[in-house]
Amino acid sequence: MTDLTAGSAGLDRIREDYTSMTRRKRVYGGILLILFVALMAAGFRTADMRNAGSFADGWNRIFDYPAEVLTEAWEKIGELPANLVEFFPALIETLNIAAAATLVGTLGGTFLALMSTRGMALWPSLIPVFRRISDICRAVPEIVIALVLIFVLGGGPVPAMIAIAIHTAGALGKLFSEVNENASLKPVEGLQSVGANWSQRMYLGVIPQVGPNYVSYALLRFEINIRASAILGFVGAGGLGYELRNAMSWGQGRYDEAAAIFLLLFVTIVVVDQLSGVLRDRLTHGSAKGAAA
C-alpha cells in the first residue's frame, strides 16, 4: 500500500513538473512572439519614414508598372516570337552559368562534406576548419561575391559562375554532411582493413550509399542557381538578367522585350522544376525500393 501511495505521489509530482514546464514554455513563446511583432512593426515604421514617400501613399500604385509592361506587350504581341528568339541565347547563357556553377559547387560541397564528417575525414583534426569554410561559403550572398569578382575580373558570366559555385559548395557541403551522418561506416572500416586508401574508401564505401541523396540535393540546387544567375545579371554578370535590366532601364518602348524575358525565365524555371522533381522522386523512391528489395 505504501508503495502504491509513493508511486502515485511520484506520478503527481512528475505531472506537476511537466505542467509547469509547459506553462513556462508557453509564456516564453508568447513573450518572444510579442517581441518579434514589436520589432517588425518598429522596423517597418522606420523603413517607411526613411522612404521618399510612405507606403500608405504608394500602395495603390503597386500594379502600375506591371500594367504598363503587360499593356505594351499586348500591343506588340506580334513581336513576341521574334523577341523570344532574340533572347534565347541569353537564356542558354543563364543555364550554362547555373549548370557549371552547380557542377563545380557539387564537387566542392562533396569534398567539404567528406572532410567535415567524423569517421570519413582524411584529417580528423581539421574537421572544424572545413566546417567553418563551409559556413563562410554559404553565409556570404552570391551577389556580394559577384560584385567583388566583377571588380577584379570584369563583367561577364565567369564571375557569376564562380560566385554561385562558392555559395553552392557551402550550401551543399552542409546538406551532404548531414546525409553522411546517416551513412554506415562498416563498409569504410572493411575497406580500410584490407588496405584501401582514403579515396577508395570514400568512392567504394560511402558514395554508393549517399549518391542518390547527393544527386537529389544537387538537382534542387540547380533550380535555385538558375534564379540566382538571372538575378546576378542585374549587376553585369550576363545572361537573361543582364538583358532584363537593360530592357527595364530603357523604359517604355522596350517593355515588350522585358515581358518576353520574363516569359522565357518563367517557362524555363517551371520546366526545370518539373523535370528535376521527377528525377529526384525516382532517385529517392527508387533507392528506397532497391534497399527494401
C-alpha atoms as a PDB file:
ATOM      1  CA  MET A   1       0.000   0.000   0.000  1.00  0.00           C
ATOM      2  CA  THR A   2       2.843   2.322   0.878  1.00  0.00           C
ATOM      3  CA  ASP A   3       4.481   1.593  -2.486  1.00  0.00           C
ATOM      4  CA  LEU A   4       1.263   2.479  -4.314  1.00  0.00           C
ATOM      5  CA  THR A   5       0.950   5.738  -2.371  1.00  0.00           C
ATOM      6  CA  ALA A   6       4.581   6.632  -3.069  1.00  0.00           C
ATOM      7  CA  GLY A   7       4.155   5.777  -6.743  1.00  0.00           C
ATOM      8  CA  SER A   8       1.038   7.908  -7.011  1.00  0.00           C
ATOM      9  CA  ALA A   9       2.804  10.824  -5.316  1.00  0.00           C
ATOM     10  CA  GLY A  10       5.720  10.443  -7.751  1.00  0.00           C
ATOM     11  CA  LEU A  11       3.385  10.485 -10.740  1.00  0.00           C
ATOM     12  CA  ASP A  12       1.625  13.564  -9.404  1.00  0.00           C
ATOM     13  CA  ARG A  13       4.949  15.323  -8.948  1.00  0.00           C
ATOM     14  CA  ILE A  14       6.028  14.417 -12.494  1.00  0.00           C
ATOM     15  CA  ARG A  15       2.695  15.635 -13.845  1.00  0.00           C
ATOM     16  CA  GLU A  16       3.038  18.921 -11.965  1.00  0.00           C
ATOM     17  CA  ASP A  17       6.615  19.413 -13.186  1.00  0.00           C
ATOM     18  CA  TYR A  18       5.570  18.721 -16.762  1.00  0.00           C
ATOM     19  CA  THR A  19       2.600  21.103 -16.491  1.00  0.00           C
ATOM     20  CA  SER A  20       4.753  23.885 -15.053  1.00  0.00           C
ATOM     21  CA  MET A  21       7.397  23.348 -17.731  1.00  0.00           C
ATOM     22  CA  THR A  22       4.740  23.502 -20.464  1.00  0.00           C
ATOM     23  CA  ARG A  23       3.331  26.668 -18.926  1.00  0.00           C
ATOM     24  CA  ARG A  24       6.790  28.280 -18.849  1.00  0.00           C
ATOM     25  CA  LYS A  25       7.392  27.371 -22.484  1.00  0.00           C
ATOM     26  CA  ARG A  26       4.097  28.960 -23.480  1.00  0.00           C
ATOM     27  CA  VAL A  27       4.942  32.121 -21.536  1.00  0.00           C
ATOM     28  CA  TYR A  28       8.385  32.353 -23.102  1.00  0.00           C
ATOM     29  CA  GLY A  29       6.909  31.683 -26.533  1.00  0.00           C
ATOM     30  CA  GLY A  30       4.318  34.414 -26.021  1.00  0.00           C
ATOM     31  CA  ILE A  31       6.997  36.881 -24.926  1.00  0.00           C
ATOM     32  CA  LEU A  32       9.146  36.067 -27.944  1.00  0.00           C
ATOM     33  CA  LEU A  33       6.150  36.448 -30.260  1.00  0.00           C
ATOM     34  CA  ILE A  34       5.321  39.858 -28.772  1.00  0.00           C
ATOM     35  CA  LEU A  35       8.950  40.968 -29.160  1.00  0.00           C
ATOM     36  CA  PHE A  36       9.039  39.735 -32.744  1.00  0.00           C
ATOM     37  CA  VAL A  37       5.844  41.597 -33.671  1.00  0.00           C
ATOM     38  CA  ALA A  38       7.104  44.752 -31.924  1.00  0.00           C
ATOM     39  CA  LEU A  39      10.440  44.609 -33.755  1.00  0.00           C
ATOM     40  CA  MET A  40       8.712  44.016 -37.081  1.00  0.00           C
ATOM     41  CA  ALA A  41       6.371  46.962 -36.502  1.00  0.00           C
ATOM     42  CA  ALA A  42       9.236  49.224 -35.422  1.00  0.00           C
ATOM     43  CA  GLY A  43      11.352  48.168 -38.393  1.00  0.00           C
ATOM     44  CA  PHE A  44       8.513  48.763 -40.832  1.00  0.00           C
ATOM     45  CA  ARG A  45       7.820  52.173 -39.309  1.00  0.00           C
ATOM     46  CA  THR A  46      11.499  53.163 -39.530  1.00  0.00           C
ATOM     47  CA  ALA A  47      11.786  51.992 -43.131  1.00  0.00           C
ATOM     48  CA  ASP A  48       8.569  53.785 -44.047  1.00  0.00           C
ATOM     49  CA  MET A  49       9.835  57.033 -42.506  1.00  0.00           C
ATOM     50  CA  ARG A  50      13.113  56.837 -44.454  1.00  0.00           C
ATOM     51  CA  ASN A  51      11.425  56.286 -47.808  1.00  0.00           C
ATOM     52  CA  ALA A  52      10.874  59.178 -50.173  1.00  0.00           C
ATOM     53  CA  GLY A  53       7.158  58.502 -49.902  1.00  0.00           C
ATOM     54  CA  SER A  54       5.274  56.441 -47.374  1.00  0.00           C
ATOM     55  CA  PHE A  55       3.901  53.008 -48.137  1.00  0.00           C
ATOM     56  CA  ALA A  56       0.367  54.224 -47.472  1.00  0.00           C
ATOM     57  CA  ASP A  57       0.716  56.840 -50.216  1.00  0.00           C
ATOM     58  CA  GLY A  58       2.071  54.456 -52.825  1.00  0.00           C
ATOM     59  CA  TRP A  59       0.435  51.096 -52.213  1.00  0.00           C
ATOM     60  CA  ASN A  60      -2.427  51.876 -54.630  1.00  0.00           C
ATOM     61  CA  ARG A  61       0.126  52.275 -57.467  1.00  0.00           C
ATOM     62  CA  ILE A  62       1.807  48.941 -56.858  1.00  0.00           C
ATOM     63  CA  PHE A  63       0.330  47.419 -60.024  1.00  0.00           C
ATOM     64  CA  ASP A  64       1.029  50.399 -62.288  1.00  0.00           C
ATOM     65  CA  TYR A  65       4.357  49.098 -63.578  1.00  0.00           C
ATOM     66  CA  PRO A  66       3.161  45.521 -64.302  1.00  0.00           C
ATOM     67  CA  ALA A  67       0.121  47.032 -66.041  1.00  0.00           C
ATOM     68  CA  GLU A  68       2.345  49.189 -68.258  1.00  0.00           C
ATOM     69  CA  VAL A  69       4.540  46.202 -69.158  1.00  0.00           C
ATOM     70  CA  LEU A  70       1.598  43.936 -69.953  1.00  0.00           C
ATOM     71  CA  THR A  71      -0.217  46.647 -71.910  1.00  0.00           C
ATOM     72  CA  GLU A  72       2.775  47.361 -74.133  1.00  0.00           C
ATOM     73  CA  ALA A  73       3.489  43.639 -74.522  1.00  0.00           C
ATOM     74  CA  TRP A  74      -0.107  43.036 -75.607  1.00  0.00           C
ATOM     75  CA  GLU A  75       0.056  45.918 -78.091  1.00  0.00           C
ATOM     76  CA  LYS A  76       3.194  44.366 -79.618  1.00  0.00           C
ATOM     77  CA  ILE A  77       2.109  40.756 -79.290  1.00  0.00           C
ATOM     78  CA  GLY A  78       3.144  40.124 -82.877  1.00  0.00           C
ATOM     79  CA  GLU A  79       6.776  40.784 -81.978  1.00  0.00           C
ATOM     80  CA  LEU A  80       6.786  38.211 -79.158  1.00  0.00           C
ATOM     81  CA  PRO A  81       8.150  35.265 -81.234  1.00  0.00           C
ATOM     82  CA  ALA A  82      10.983  37.444 -82.566  1.00  0.00           C
ATOM     83  CA  ASN A  83      11.809  38.630 -79.041  1.00  0.00           C
ATOM     84  CA  LEU A  84      11.829  35.063 -77.723  1.00  0.00           C
ATOM     85  CA  VAL A  85      14.252  34.043 -80.469  1.00  0.00           C
ATOM     86  CA  GLU A  86      16.406  37.123 -79.831  1.00  0.00           C
ATOM     87  CA  PHE A  87      16.827  36.430 -76.116  1.00  0.00           C
ATOM     88  CA  PHE A  88      17.087  32.643 -76.361  1.00  0.00           C
ATOM     89  CA  PRO A  89      20.933  32.779 -76.481  1.00  0.00           C
ATOM     90  CA  ALA A  90      20.862  34.775 -73.222  1.00  0.00           C
ATOM     91  CA  LEU A  91      18.714  32.007 -71.728  1.00  0.00           C
ATOM     92  CA  ILE A  92      21.268  29.407 -72.819  1.00  0.00           C
ATOM     93  CA  GLU A  93      23.984  31.506 -71.185  1.00  0.00           C
ATOM     94  CA  THR A  94      21.976  31.638 -67.951  1.00  0.00           C
ATOM     95  CA  LEU A  95      21.501  27.852 -67.999  1.00  0.00           C
ATOM     96  CA  ASN A  96      25.208  27.351 -68.705  1.00  0.00           C
ATOM     97  CA  ILE A  97      26.130  29.568 -65.755  1.00  0.00           C
ATOM     98  CA  ALA A  98      23.767  27.650 -63.465  1.00  0.00           C
ATOM     99  CA  ALA A  99      24.873  24.219 -64.733  1.00  0.00           C
ATOM    100  CA  ALA A 100      28.606  24.961 -64.487  1.00  0.00           C
ATOM    101  CA  ALA A 101      28.196  26.522 -61.037  1.00  0.00           C
ATOM    102  CA  THR A 102      26.136  23.541 -59.848  1.00  0.00           C
ATOM    103  CA  LEU A 103      28.724  21.057 -61.117  1.00  0.00           C
ATOM    104  CA  VAL A 104      31.675  22.881 -59.555  1.00  0.00           C
ATOM    105  CA  GLY A 105      29.721  23.578 -56.366  1.00  0.00           C
ATOM    106  CA  THR A 106      28.652  19.934 -56.070  1.00  0.00           C
ATOM    107  CA  LEU A 107      32.248  18.762 -56.341  1.00  0.00           C
ATOM    108  CA  GLY A 108      33.337  21.348 -53.780  1.00  0.00           C
ATOM    109  CA  GLY A 109      30.414  20.503 -51.486  1.00  0.00           C
ATOM    110  CA  THR A 110      31.225  16.786 -51.700  1.00  0.00           C
ATOM    111  CA  PHE A 111      34.820  17.436 -50.706  1.00  0.00           C
ATOM    112  CA  LEU A 112      33.816  19.728 -47.825  1.00  0.00           C
ATOM    113  CA  ALA A 113      31.203  17.226 -46.614  1.00  0.00           C
ATOM    114  CA  LEU A 114      33.596  14.278 -46.624  1.00  0.00           C
ATOM    115  CA  MET A 115      36.315  16.296 -44.907  1.00  0.00           C
ATOM    116  CA  SER A 116      33.961  17.546 -42.187  1.00  0.00           C
ATOM    117  CA  THR A 117      32.245  14.254 -41.258  1.00  0.00           C
ATOM    118  CA  ARG A 118      33.542  12.198 -38.348  1.00  0.00           C
ATOM    119  CA  GLY A 119      34.676   8.751 -39.410  1.00  0.00           C
ATOM    120  CA  MET A 120      35.202   9.857 -43.025  1.00  0.00           C
ATOM    121  CA  ALA A 121      37.542  12.833 -42.827  1.00  0.00           C
ATOM    122  CA  LEU A 122      41.061  12.373 -44.137  1.00  0.00           C
ATOM    123  CA  TRP A 123      42.387  14.712 -41.430  1.00  0.00           C
ATOM    124  CA  PRO A 124      40.077  14.421 -38.387  1.00  0.00           C
ATOM    125  CA  SER A 125      41.836  17.254 -36.566  1.00  0.00           C
ATOM    126  CA  LEU A 126      40.846  19.669 -39.377  1.00  0.00           C
ATOM    127  CA  ILE A 127      37.120  18.872 -39.266  1.00  0.00           C
ATOM    128  CA  PRO A 128      36.258  22.203 -37.532  1.00  0.00           C
ATOM    129  CA  VAL A 129      38.284  24.089 -40.158  1.00  0.00           C
ATOM    130  CA  PHE A 130      36.393  22.575 -43.083  1.00  0.00           C
ATOM    131  CA  ARG A 131      33.085  23.151 -41.310  1.00  0.00           C
ATOM    132  CA  ARG A 132      33.908  26.842 -40.859  1.00  0.00           C
ATOM    133  CA  ILE A 133      34.909  27.068 -44.527  1.00  0.00           C
ATOM    134  CA  SER A 134      31.520  25.634 -45.476  1.00  0.00           C
ATOM    135  CA  ASP A 135      29.791  28.106 -43.145  1.00  0.00           C
ATOM    136  CA  ILE A 136      31.631  31.059 -44.684  1.00  0.00           C
ATOM    137  CA  CYS A 137      30.899  29.958 -48.262  1.00  0.00           C
ATOM    138  CA  ARG A 138      27.159  29.792 -47.687  1.00  0.00           C
ATOM    139  CA  ALA A 139      26.978  32.794 -45.340  1.00  0.00           C
ATOM    140  CA  VAL A 140      28.165  35.326 -47.940  1.00  0.00           C
ATOM    141  CA  PRO A 141      25.405  36.060 -50.533  1.00  0.00           C
ATOM    142  CA  GLU A 142      26.139  35.320 -54.180  1.00  0.00           C
ATOM    143  CA  ILE A 143      25.597  38.920 -55.189  1.00  0.00           C
ATOM    144  CA  VAL A 144      28.300  40.143 -52.775  1.00  0.00           C
ATOM    145  CA  ILE A 145      30.808  37.608 -54.111  1.00  0.00           C
ATOM    146  CA  ALA A 146      29.825  38.502 -57.686  1.00  0.00           C
ATOM    147  CA  LEU A 147      30.324  42.231 -57.096  1.00  0.00           C
ATOM    148  CA  VAL A 148      33.827  41.610 -55.761  1.00  0.00           C
ATOM    149  CA  LEU A 149      34.688  39.286 -58.644  1.00  0.00           C
ATOM    150  CA  ILE A 150      33.277  41.695 -61.226  1.00  0.00           C
ATOM    151  CA  PHE A 151      35.530  44.398 -59.788  1.00  0.00           C
ATOM    152  CA  VAL A 152      38.521  42.049 -60.166  1.00  0.00           C
ATOM    153  CA  LEU A 153      37.679  40.117 -63.339  1.00  0.00           C
ATOM    154  CA  GLY A 154      35.274  42.451 -65.112  1.00  0.00           C
ATOM    155  CA  GLY A 155      31.704  41.777 -66.181  1.00  0.00           C
ATOM    156  CA  GLY A 156      30.589  38.550 -67.789  1.00  0.00           C
ATOM    157  CA  PRO A 157      29.403  35.054 -66.946  1.00  0.00           C
ATOM    158  CA  VAL A 158      32.632  33.867 -65.294  1.00  0.00           C
ATOM    159  CA  PRO A 159      32.264  35.980 -62.105  1.00  0.00           C
ATOM    160  CA  ALA A 160      28.646  34.873 -61.818  1.00  0.00           C
ATOM    161  CA  MET A 161      29.588  31.218 -62.193  1.00  0.00           C
ATOM    162  CA  ILE A 162      32.341  31.446 -59.581  1.00  0.00           C
ATOM    163  CA  ALA A 163      30.110  33.339 -57.130  1.00  0.00           C
ATOM    164  CA  ILE A 164      27.261  30.846 -57.434  1.00  0.00           C
ATOM    165  CA  ALA A 165      29.664  27.887 -57.246  1.00  0.00           C
ATOM    166  CA  ILE A 166      31.185  29.168 -53.993  1.00  0.00           C
ATOM    167  CA  HIS A 167      27.781  29.605 -52.382  1.00  0.00           C
ATOM    168  CA  THR A 168      26.612  26.251 -53.752  1.00  0.00           C
ATOM    169  CA  ALA A 169      29.660  24.478 -52.317  1.00  0.00           C
ATOM    170  CA  GLY A 170      28.904  25.862 -48.868  1.00  0.00           C
ATOM    171  CA  ALA A 171      25.197  25.017 -49.004  1.00  0.00           C
ATOM    172  CA  LEU A 172      25.657  21.524 -50.418  1.00  0.00           C
ATOM    173  CA  GLY A 173      28.570  20.881 -48.058  1.00  0.00           C
ATOM    174  CA  LYS A 174      26.180  21.326 -45.149  1.00  0.00           C
ATOM    175  CA  LEU A 175      23.439  19.181 -46.709  1.00  0.00           C
ATOM    176  CA  PHE A 176      25.845  16.456 -47.816  1.00  0.00           C
ATOM    177  CA  SER A 177      27.459  16.276 -44.381  1.00  0.00           C
ATOM    178  CA  GLU A 178      24.044  15.648 -42.819  1.00  0.00           C
ATOM    179  CA  VAL A 179      23.497  12.841 -45.333  1.00  0.00           C
ATOM    180  CA  ASN A 180      26.924  11.422 -44.452  1.00  0.00           C
ATOM    181  CA  GLU A 181      25.973  11.292 -40.766  1.00  0.00           C
ATOM    182  CA  ASN A 182      23.340   8.667 -41.623  1.00  0.00           C
ATOM    183  CA  ALA A 183      25.676   6.525 -43.733  1.00  0.00           C
ATOM    184  CA  SER A 184      27.010   3.255 -42.352  1.00  0.00           C
ATOM    185  CA  LEU A 185      30.737   3.209 -41.610  1.00  0.00           C
ATOM    186  CA  LYS A 186      31.011  -0.589 -41.751  1.00  0.00           C
ATOM    187  CA  PRO A 187      31.944  -0.654 -45.476  1.00  0.00           C
ATOM    188  CA  VAL A 188      34.584   2.024 -44.810  1.00  0.00           C
ATOM    189  CA  GLU A 189      36.046   0.010 -41.946  1.00  0.00           C
ATOM    190  CA  GLY A 190      36.028  -3.142 -44.059  1.00  0.00           C
ATOM    191  CA  LEU A 191      37.843  -1.434 -46.923  1.00  0.00           C
ATOM    192  CA  GLN A 192      40.353   0.053 -44.503  1.00  0.00           C
ATOM    193  CA  SER A 193      41.056  -3.382 -43.060  1.00  0.00           C
ATOM    194  CA  VAL A 194      42.105  -4.680 -46.496  1.00  0.00           C
ATOM    195  CA  GLY A 195      44.420  -1.716 -47.144  1.00  0.00           C
ATOM    196  CA  ALA A 196      42.245   0.638 -49.235  1.00  0.00           C
ATOM    197  CA  ASN A 197      43.346   4.271 -49.253  1.00  0.00           C
ATOM    198  CA  TRP A 198      41.093   7.200 -48.347  1.00  0.00           C
ATOM    199  CA  SER A 199      39.807   7.921 -51.853  1.00  0.00           C
ATOM    200  CA  GLN A 200      38.998   4.254 -52.415  1.00  0.00           C
ATOM    201  CA  ARG A 201      37.151   4.061 -49.095  1.00  0.00           C
ATOM    202  CA  MET A 202      35.059   7.103 -49.969  1.00  0.00           C
ATOM    203  CA  TYR A 203      34.409   6.053 -53.573  1.00  0.00           C
ATOM    204  CA  LEU A 204      33.513   2.442 -52.822  1.00  0.00           C
ATOM    205  CA  GLY A 205      32.179   2.613 -49.268  1.00  0.00           C
ATOM    206  CA  VAL A 206      30.418   5.980 -48.935  1.00  0.00           C
ATOM    207  CA  ILE A 207      29.376   7.332 -52.340  1.00  0.00           C
ATOM    208  CA  PRO A 208      27.181   4.311 -53.239  1.00  0.00           C
ATOM    209  CA  GLN A 209      25.193   4.914 -50.029  1.00  0.00           C
ATOM    210  CA  VAL A 210      24.777   8.678 -50.317  1.00  0.00           C
ATOM    211  CA  GLY A 211      24.857   9.092 -54.102  1.00  0.00           C
ATOM    212  CA  PRO A 212      21.074   9.296 -54.697  1.00  0.00           C
ATOM    213  CA  ASN A 213      20.632  11.931 -51.991  1.00  0.00           C
ATOM    214  CA  TYR A 214      23.623  13.863 -53.309  1.00  0.00           C
ATOM    215  CA  VAL A 215      22.152  13.983 -56.801  1.00  0.00           C
ATOM    216  CA  SER A 216      18.727  14.917 -55.427  1.00  0.00           C
ATOM    217  CA  TYR A 217      20.135  17.878 -53.500  1.00  0.00           C
ATOM    218  CA  ALA A 218      22.276  18.903 -56.480  1.00  0.00           C
ATOM    219  CA  LEU A 219      19.211  18.993 -58.744  1.00  0.00           C
ATOM    220  CA  LEU A 220      17.360  21.090 -56.205  1.00  0.00           C
ATOM    221  CA  ARG A 221      20.322  23.441 -56.064  1.00  0.00           C
ATOM    222  CA  PHE A 222      20.356  23.662 -59.872  1.00  0.00           C
ATOM    223  CA  GLU A 223      16.849  25.149 -59.769  1.00  0.00           C
ATOM    224  CA  ILE A 224      17.986  27.711 -57.216  1.00  0.00           C
ATOM    225  CA  ASN A 225      21.076  28.559 -59.265  1.00  0.00           C
ATOM    226  CA  ILE A 226      19.004  29.340 -62.355  1.00  0.00           C
ATOM    227  CA  ARG A 227      17.190  32.029 -60.388  1.00  0.00           C
ATOM    228  CA  ALA A 228      20.467  33.220 -58.857  1.00  0.00           C
ATOM    229  CA  SER A 229      22.181  33.510 -62.251  1.00  0.00           C
ATOM    230  CA  ALA A 230      19.253  35.566 -63.567  1.00  0.00           C
ATOM    231  CA  ILE A 231      19.435  37.877 -60.536  1.00  0.00           C
ATOM    232  CA  LEU A 232      23.207  38.300 -60.851  1.00  0.00           C
ATOM    233  CA  GLY A 233      22.686  39.531 -64.405  1.00  0.00           C
ATOM    234  CA  PHE A 234      21.397  42.763 -62.892  1.00  0.00           C
ATOM    235  CA  VAL A 235      24.922  43.549 -61.651  1.00  0.00           C
ATOM    236  CA  GLY A 236      26.513  42.916 -65.039  1.00  0.00           C
ATOM    237  CA  ALA A 237      27.115  39.183 -64.833  1.00  0.00           C
ATOM    238  CA  GLY A 238      25.493  38.384 -68.187  1.00  0.00           C
ATOM    239  CA  GLY A 239      22.634  36.118 -69.131  1.00  0.00           C
ATOM    240  CA  LEU A 240      18.923  36.871 -69.051  1.00  0.00           C
ATOM    241  CA  GLY A 241      19.260  39.119 -66.017  1.00  0.00           C
ATOM    242  CA  TYR A 242      21.571  41.484 -67.896  1.00  0.00           C
ATOM    243  CA  GLU A 243      19.162  41.719 -70.823  1.00  0.00           C
ATOM    244  CA  LEU A 244      16.219  42.203 -68.454  1.00  0.00           C
ATOM    245  CA  ARG A 245      17.986  45.040 -66.662  1.00  0.00           C
ATOM    246  CA  ASN A 246      18.659  46.781 -69.974  1.00  0.00           C
ATOM    247  CA  ALA A 247      15.062  46.384 -71.110  1.00  0.00           C
ATOM    248  CA  MET A 248      13.652  47.647 -67.800  1.00  0.00           C
ATOM    249  CA  SER A 249      16.120  50.539 -67.598  1.00  0.00           C
ATOM    250  CA  TRP A 250      15.191  51.716 -71.094  1.00  0.00           C
ATOM    251  CA  GLY A 251      11.578  52.051 -70.016  1.00  0.00           C
ATOM    252  CA  GLN A 252       8.595  52.423 -72.314  1.00  0.00           C
ATOM    253  CA  GLY A 253       9.273  51.237 -75.818  1.00  0.00           C
ATOM    254  CA  ARG A 254      11.089  48.086 -74.683  1.00  0.00           C
ATOM    255  CA  TYR A 255       8.604  46.710 -72.184  1.00  0.00           C
ATOM    256  CA  ASP A 256       7.655  44.066 -74.744  1.00  0.00           C
ATOM    257  CA  GLU A 257      11.224  42.768 -74.563  1.00  0.00           C
ATOM    258  CA  ALA A 258      11.033  42.714 -70.756  1.00  0.00           C
ATOM    259  CA  ALA A 259       7.800  40.705 -70.967  1.00  0.00           C
ATOM    260  CA  ALA A 260       9.416  38.220 -73.361  1.00  0.00           C
ATOM    261  CA  ILE A 261      12.371  37.769 -70.994  1.00  0.00           C
ATOM    262  CA  PHE A 262      10.022  37.250 -68.044  1.00  0.00           C
ATOM    263  CA  LEU A 263       8.138  34.642 -70.061  1.00  0.00           C
ATOM    264  CA  LEU A 264      11.335  32.800 -71.025  1.00  0.00           C
ATOM    265  CA  LEU A 265      12.574  32.768 -67.456  1.00  0.00           C
ATOM    266  CA  PHE A 266       9.224  31.649 -66.038  1.00  0.00           C
ATOM    267  CA  VAL A 267       8.795  28.792 -68.512  1.00  0.00           C
ATOM    268  CA  THR A 268      12.388  27.652 -68.004  1.00  0.00           C
ATOM    269  CA  ILE A 269      12.089  27.578 -64.215  1.00  0.00           C
ATOM    270  CA  VAL A 270       8.789  25.681 -64.392  1.00  0.00           C
ATOM    271  CA  VAL A 271      10.184  23.102 -66.847  1.00  0.00           C
ATOM    272  CA  VAL A 272      13.401  22.587 -64.876  1.00  0.00           C
ATOM    273  CA  ASP A 273      11.422  22.364 -61.641  1.00  0.00           C
ATOM    274  CA  GLN A 274       9.155  19.656 -63.051  1.00  0.00           C
ATOM    275  CA  LEU A 275      11.987  17.647 -64.615  1.00  0.00           C
ATOM    276  CA  SER A 276      14.207  17.803 -61.550  1.00  0.00           C
ATOM    277  CA  GLY A 277      11.223  16.931 -59.345  1.00  0.00           C
ATOM    278  CA  VAL A 278      10.611  13.777 -61.387  1.00  0.00           C
ATOM    279  CA  LEU A 279      14.300  12.849 -61.274  1.00  0.00           C
ATOM    280  CA  ARG A 280      14.537  13.461 -57.522  1.00  0.00           C
ATOM    281  CA  ASP A 281      11.446  11.337 -56.938  1.00  0.00           C
ATOM    282  CA  ARG A 282      12.895   8.485 -58.964  1.00  0.00           C
ATOM    283  CA  LEU A 283      16.229   8.730 -57.191  1.00  0.00           C
ATOM    284  CA  THR A 284      14.842   8.804 -53.653  1.00  0.00           C
ATOM    285  CA  HIS A 285      11.984   6.350 -54.102  1.00  0.00           C
ATOM    286  CA  GLY A 286      13.971   4.151 -56.470  1.00  0.00           C
ATOM    287  CA  SER A 287      16.816   3.850 -53.972  1.00  0.00           C
ATOM    288  CA  ALA A 288      14.328   3.161 -51.174  1.00  0.00           C
ATOM    289  CA  LYS A 289      12.677   0.397 -53.222  1.00  0.00           C
ATOM    290  CA  GLY A 290      16.053  -1.080 -54.069  1.00  0.00           C
ATOM    291  CA  ALA A 291      17.061  -1.109 -50.408  1.00  0.00           C
ATOM    292  CA  ALA A 292      13.756  -2.734 -49.439  1.00  0.00           C
ATOM    293  CA  ALA A 293      14.166  -5.404 -52.085  1.00  0.00           C
END
